[in-house]
Amino acid sequence: MLIEKRPEIVQLPDHGPTFEKYPAITVLIGDRIVFCGGIIYLWSRVGQAWLYTVPDMIRYRVSTFPIIKRFVDTTRVALNLERIQTSVQEDFEEGHRLMKHLGFKFEGTHPKYINGLTYVSYAWVRED
């Protein structure tokens, strides 16, 4: 399948305080959902990022990485976050590549973290 057009950012209508506290996006290429993700506001100036992707996300890297970066940067400013953290399944190379692209830094590994699998934690921390 060829990418015929740039992905569109599709957001739910304004749902007031819920959407402001839990911003999320879904990216489509044609009629296919390529990824959806968001940042959960955990507590004062700390967010937890989450992302679900199609298994062949690597095919869409060039068009989706800039969209993800713009969403993370915009959300970081809107929520005045000092830290955004997340975990990536250890064998998901494209996820690790994305974390580096976003400027997240490695923090550690978590053996048997979810469903017996090892995950790697990353965080972006604002530098003053």
Protein backbone atom coordinates (compact mmCIF):
# COMPACT_ATOMS: atom_id res chain seq x y z
CA MET A 1 0.00 0.00 0.00
CA LEU A 2 1.36 3.41 -0.91
CA ILE A 3 0.88 6.49 1.19
CA GLU A 4 -1.18 8.69 -1.08
CA LYS A 5 -1.55 11.70 1.16
CA ARG A 6 -0.22 13.05 4.40
CA PRO A 7 -2.00 11.70 7.46
CA GLU A 8 -4.73 13.82 8.95
CA ILE A 9 -4.93 14.58 12.64
CA VAL A 10 -8.38 13.66 13.82
CA GLN A 11 -9.43 14.79 17.26
CA LEU A 12 -12.66 14.27 19.10
CA PRO A 13 -14.84 17.32 19.59
CA ASP A 14 -14.10 19.40 22.66
CA HIS A 15 -15.15 17.44 25.71
CA GLY A 16 -14.28 20.16 28.18
CA PRO A 17 -12.05 19.38 31.16
CA THR A 18 -11.69 15.68 30.28
CA PHE A 19 -10.06 16.38 26.91
CA GLU A 20 -7.92 19.14 28.38
CA LYS A 21 -6.60 16.74 31.02
CA TYR A 22 -6.27 13.73 28.68
CA PRO A 23 -5.42 15.04 25.19
CA ALA A 24 -5.23 12.38 22.48
CA ILE A 25 -4.95 12.06 18.72
CA THR A 26 -5.68 9.46 16.07
CA VAL A 27 -3.81 9.50 12.77
CA LEU A 28 -5.34 8.00 9.64
CA ILE A 29 -3.74 7.25 6.31
CA GLY A 30 -6.63 6.89 3.94
CA ASP A 31 -9.20 5.04 6.01
CA ARG A 32 -6.62 3.09 8.05
CA ILE A 33 -5.82 4.05 11.63
CA VAL A 34 -2.02 4.10 11.86
CA PHE A 35 -1.73 5.12 15.48
CA CYS A 36 -3.55 6.70 18.34
CA GLY A 37 -1.97 8.11 21.44
CA GLY A 38 -2.16 10.68 24.14
CA ILE A 39 -0.71 12.08 27.32
CA ILE A 40 -2.40 11.52 30.67
CA TYR A 41 -1.86 14.28 33.22
CA LEU A 42 -0.76 12.28 36.28
CA TRP A 43 -0.03 14.99 38.82
CA SER A 44 1.59 18.38 39.04
CA ARG A 45 3.52 18.90 35.79
CA VAL A 46 3.97 15.16 35.06
CA GLY A 47 2.40 13.34 32.12
CA GLN A 48 2.27 9.68 31.07
CA ALA A 49 2.42 9.18 27.29
CA TRP A 50 0.71 6.24 25.61
CA LEU A 51 0.66 5.12 21.98
CA TYR A 52 -0.87 2.23 20.08
CA THR A 53 0.39 1.58 16.56
CA VAL A 54 -0.13 -0.80 13.70
CA PRO A 55 2.49 -3.57 13.61
CA ASP A 56 4.04 -2.16 10.43
CA MET A 57 4.42 1.40 11.75
CA ILE A 58 7.88 1.59 10.16
CA ARG A 59 6.18 2.03 6.78
CA TYR A 60 4.65 5.28 8.01
CA ARG A 61 7.58 6.73 9.97
CA VAL A 62 8.37 9.60 7.63
CA SER A 63 4.82 10.93 7.69
CA THR A 64 3.83 10.11 11.27
CA PHE A 65 6.90 10.99 13.39
CA PRO A 66 6.56 14.76 12.76
CA ILE A 67 2.86 14.61 13.68
CA ILE A 68 3.61 12.78 16.92
CA LYS A 69 6.38 15.27 17.75
CA ARG A 70 4.07 18.25 17.11
CA PHE A 71 1.38 16.70 19.32
CA VAL A 72 3.83 16.00 22.18
CA ASP A 73 5.36 19.49 21.95
CA THR A 74 1.95 21.20 21.84
CA THR A 75 0.60 19.14 24.75
CA ARG A 76 3.75 19.68 26.80
CA VAL A 77 3.31 23.45 26.51
CA ALA A 78 -0.50 23.42 26.95
CA LEU A 79 -0.28 21.35 30.16
CA ASN A 80 2.91 23.09 31.36
CA LEU A 81 4.62 19.73 31.83
CA GLU A 82 8.11 19.36 33.26
CA ARG A 83 8.21 15.59 32.70
CA ILE A 84 6.62 13.15 30.27
CA GLN A 85 7.30 9.47 30.83
CA THR A 86 6.44 6.29 28.95
CA SER A 87 7.42 2.64 28.50
CA VAL A 88 8.24 0.81 25.28
CA GLN A 89 8.20 -2.94 24.76
CA GLU A 90 11.84 -4.05 24.65
CA ASP A 91 11.68 -5.64 21.18
CA PHE A 92 9.74 -2.78 19.53
CA GLU A 93 12.65 -1.11 17.70
CA GLU A 94 10.48 1.49 15.98
CA GLY A 95 9.17 2.60 19.38
CA HIS A 96 12.73 3.12 20.64
CA ARG A 97 13.54 5.09 17.49
CA LEU A 98 10.48 7.28 18.09
CA MET A 99 11.51 8.00 21.69
CA LYS A 100 14.93 9.20 20.51
CA HIS A 101 13.28 11.32 17.80
CA LEU A 102 11.10 12.96 20.46
CA GLY A 103 14.09 13.70 22.70
CA PHE A 104 13.13 11.19 25.41
CA LYS A 105 16.00 9.66 27.38
CA PHE A 106 16.42 6.05 28.54
CA GLU A 107 15.67 5.56 32.24
CA GLY A 108 15.72 1.81 32.82
CA THR A 109 14.32 -1.63 32.07
CA HIS A 110 11.40 -3.43 33.67
CA PRO A 111 11.56 -7.23 33.35
CA LYS A 112 8.17 -8.99 33.36
CA TYR A 113 6.45 -5.60 33.42
CA ILE A 114 3.33 -6.27 31.31
CA ASN A 115 2.18 -9.79 30.35
CA GLY A 116 5.60 -11.15 31.34
CA LEU A 117 7.40 -8.97 28.79
CA THR A 118 10.30 -6.62 29.41
CA TYR A 119 9.69 -2.91 28.86
CA VAL A 120 12.08 0.02 28.69
CA SER A 121 11.19 3.33 30.33
CA TYR A 122 11.91 6.71 28.78
CA ALA A 123 11.26 10.26 29.91
CA TRP A 124 11.49 13.78 28.60
CA VAL A 125 12.42 16.19 31.38
CA ARG A 126 12.38 19.94 30.90
CA GLU A 127 15.80 21.45 31.34
CA ASP A 128 15.73 24.81 33.09
